[in-house]
Amino acid sequence: MRKSFVFGLSILAIGSGIAYAQNVDVIKQRRDAMKAIATNGTPPFQMMKGSVPFELAKVQTGLKTYQEQGAKLKALFPDDSKTGGDTDAPAKIWSEKAEFEKAIDTFISTAKAAESVIKDEATFKAEYPKVAASCGGCHKDADGFAPKLGDSIKKMNAQK
């Protein structure tokens, strides 16, 4: 009986360790996706502000990254990743999952539409603000699915 109890506790401990490892792994994967989005999205944001010259290749790279990494995001917020791994994802993601996934879909579709339209600086100036606004679907000043965009970028830069 005692051996069965010890064996059961061992299995439980191993299972808990595996579940925790998966939790931390998915949090790292979503951080990596967000980092790729931020890294490749920074140049177009700077172009939109006028702080760097327009470069179509960098804009297209950013838009492709938004689509590729954005498509991964829905799967990167399973129920077992609400805590741990230094996540700052708010509970709202899980309590309003449909709205969260809709915001992701909007982000991806806006980037895809912009990719097909942006061919030069004039079309960039007309279309990219829509892409930037779609980031605000999650990164709101208050009550968003993610911290404010500026706060998220500061945290990402601090982790380098």
Protein backbone atom coordinates (compact mmCIF):
# COMPACT_ATOMS: atom_id res chain seq x y z
CA MET A 1 0.00 0.00 0.00
CA ARG A 2 2.78 2.40 0.93
CA LYS A 3 4.61 1.68 -2.34
CA SER A 4 1.43 2.40 -4.30
CA PHE A 5 0.98 5.69 -2.46
CA VAL A 6 4.59 6.74 -3.11
CA PHE A 7 4.28 5.65 -6.75
CA GLY A 8 1.06 7.66 -7.11
CA LEU A 9 2.67 10.76 -5.62
CA SER A 10 5.64 10.33 -7.95
CA ILE A 11 3.38 10.13 -10.99
CA LEU A 12 1.46 13.17 -9.79
CA ALA A 13 4.68 15.14 -9.26
CA ILE A 14 5.98 14.18 -12.71
CA GLY A 15 2.64 15.07 -14.30
CA SER A 16 2.58 18.42 -12.56
CA GLY A 17 6.11 19.11 -13.75
CA ILE A 18 5.20 18.28 -17.33
CA ALA A 19 2.08 20.46 -17.19
CA TYR A 20 4.11 23.34 -15.79
CA ALA A 21 6.80 22.90 -18.45
CA GLN A 22 4.13 23.06 -21.16
CA ASN A 23 2.72 26.20 -19.58
CA VAL A 24 6.08 27.96 -19.57
CA ASP A 25 6.85 26.73 -23.09
CA VAL A 26 3.66 28.16 -24.60
CA ILE A 27 4.23 31.45 -22.78
CA LYS A 28 7.72 31.59 -24.30
CA GLN A 29 6.29 30.80 -27.74
CA ARG A 30 3.77 33.63 -27.51
CA ARG A 31 6.47 36.02 -26.26
CA ASP A 32 8.60 35.00 -29.25
CA ALA A 33 5.66 35.63 -31.62
CA MET A 34 5.01 39.03 -30.07
CA LYS A 35 8.70 39.87 -30.21
CA ALA A 36 8.80 39.04 -33.94
CA ILE A 37 5.73 41.22 -34.50
CA ALA A 38 7.27 44.10 -32.55
CA THR A 39 10.71 43.78 -34.13
CA ASN A 40 9.42 43.73 -37.70
CA GLY A 41 6.64 46.19 -36.95
CA THR A 42 8.81 48.91 -35.46
CA PRO A 43 10.24 50.23 -38.77
CA PRO A 44 6.80 50.76 -40.36
CA PHE A 45 5.55 52.49 -37.19
CA GLN A 46 8.61 54.76 -37.36
CA MET A 47 7.90 55.42 -41.04
CA MET A 48 4.31 56.29 -40.20
CA LYS A 49 5.54 58.82 -37.64
CA GLY A 50 8.04 60.20 -40.17
CA SER A 51 11.08 59.44 -38.02
CA VAL A 52 12.66 57.15 -40.65
CA PRO A 53 12.39 57.16 -44.46
CA PHE A 54 9.84 54.96 -46.21
CA GLU A 55 11.12 51.54 -47.32
CA LEU A 56 8.57 49.31 -49.03
CA ALA A 57 10.54 46.10 -48.31
CA LYS A 58 10.47 46.73 -44.55
CA VAL A 59 6.77 47.53 -44.64
CA GLN A 60 6.04 44.30 -46.53
CA THR A 61 8.23 42.30 -44.12
CA GLY A 62 6.30 43.75 -41.18
CA LEU A 63 2.94 42.95 -42.76
CA LYS A 64 3.98 39.38 -43.58
CA THR A 65 5.24 38.92 -40.01
CA TYR A 66 1.94 40.21 -38.62
CA GLN A 67 0.08 37.61 -40.64
CA GLU A 68 2.42 34.68 -39.94
CA GLN A 69 2.91 35.32 -36.23
CA GLY A 70 -0.64 36.54 -35.70
CA ALA A 71 -1.96 33.23 -37.06
CA LYS A 72 -0.11 31.43 -34.26
CA LEU A 73 -1.54 33.52 -31.43
CA LYS A 74 -4.90 31.82 -30.92
CA ALA A 75 -3.20 28.52 -30.10
CA LEU A 76 -0.74 30.20 -27.73
CA PHE A 77 -3.26 31.05 -25.01
CA PRO A 78 -4.43 27.66 -23.67
CA ASP A 79 -6.08 27.55 -20.26
CA ASP A 80 -2.91 26.25 -18.62
CA SER A 81 -0.95 29.39 -19.57
CA LYS A 82 -2.79 32.00 -17.52
CA THR A 83 0.07 32.25 -15.05
CA GLY A 84 3.77 31.52 -14.86
CA GLY A 85 6.68 32.34 -17.10
CA ASP A 86 6.49 36.05 -16.28
CA THR A 87 3.29 36.37 -18.32
CA ASP A 88 1.42 39.63 -18.15
CA ALA A 89 -1.53 38.37 -20.17
CA PRO A 90 -4.70 39.59 -18.43
CA ALA A 91 -7.49 37.21 -17.40
CA LYS A 92 -9.73 39.02 -19.89
CA ILE A 93 -8.14 36.93 -22.67
CA TRP A 94 -9.71 33.79 -21.26
CA SER A 95 -12.96 35.32 -19.97
CA GLU A 96 -13.65 37.01 -23.33
CA LYS A 97 -12.00 34.46 -25.63
CA ALA A 98 -14.32 35.08 -28.62
CA GLU A 99 -13.62 38.83 -28.57
CA PHE A 100 -9.90 38.19 -28.18
CA GLU A 101 -9.85 35.85 -31.16
CA LYS A 102 -11.87 38.36 -33.18
CA ALA A 103 -9.24 41.02 -32.42
CA ILE A 104 -6.54 38.63 -33.67
CA ASP A 105 -8.54 37.93 -36.84
CA THR A 106 -8.96 41.67 -37.44
CA PHE A 107 -5.22 42.23 -36.96
CA ILE A 108 -4.38 39.50 -39.49
CA SER A 109 -6.98 40.52 -42.08
CA THR A 110 -6.01 44.19 -41.84
CA ALA A 111 -2.36 43.30 -42.41
CA LYS A 112 -3.28 41.08 -45.36
CA ALA A 113 -5.43 43.78 -46.95
CA ALA A 114 -2.67 46.37 -46.46
CA GLU A 115 -0.06 44.06 -47.96
CA SER A 116 -2.05 43.86 -51.19
CA VAL A 117 -2.66 47.62 -51.33
CA ILE A 118 0.60 49.20 -50.15
CA LYS A 119 2.86 49.65 -53.17
CA ASP A 120 4.48 53.02 -52.47
CA GLU A 121 4.71 55.76 -49.86
CA ALA A 122 1.35 57.30 -50.77
CA THR A 123 -0.55 54.03 -50.35
CA PHE A 124 1.43 53.34 -47.17
CA LYS A 125 0.34 56.66 -45.66
CA ALA A 126 -3.26 55.90 -46.56
CA GLU A 127 -3.38 52.26 -45.42
CA TYR A 128 -0.88 51.72 -42.62
CA PRO A 129 -2.83 53.72 -40.01
CA LYS A 130 -5.53 51.03 -40.31
CA VAL A 131 -2.92 48.40 -39.46
CA ALA A 132 -1.67 50.43 -36.52
CA ALA A 133 -5.25 50.82 -35.28
CA SER A 134 -5.74 47.05 -35.46
CA CYS A 135 -2.88 46.64 -32.95
CA GLY A 136 -5.10 48.64 -30.64
CA GLY A 137 -7.62 45.81 -30.75
CA CYS A 138 -5.54 44.22 -28.01
CA HIS A 139 -3.12 46.92 -26.83
CA LYS A 140 -5.52 49.44 -25.33
CA ASP A 141 -4.74 52.12 -22.78
CA ALA A 142 -7.25 50.54 -20.41
CA ASP A 143 -9.09 47.23 -20.24
CA GLY A 144 -7.36 45.66 -23.24
CA PHE A 145 -6.25 42.13 -23.97
CA ALA A 146 -2.64 43.24 -23.62
CA PRO A 147 -0.70 46.01 -21.89
CA LYS A 148 -0.45 49.32 -23.71
CA LEU A 149 1.72 48.95 -26.79
CA GLY A 150 4.42 51.25 -25.43
CA ASP A 151 4.55 49.31 -22.16
CA SER A 152 4.81 46.01 -24.03
CA ILE A 153 7.69 47.29 -26.14
CA LYS A 154 9.50 48.66 -23.07
CA LYS A 155 9.21 45.27 -21.35
CA MET A 156 10.42 43.45 -24.47
CA ASN A 157 13.43 45.76 -24.76
CA ALA A 158 14.25 45.32 -21.08
CA GLN A 159 14.38 41.54 -21.58
CA LYS A 160 17.04 41.70 -24.30
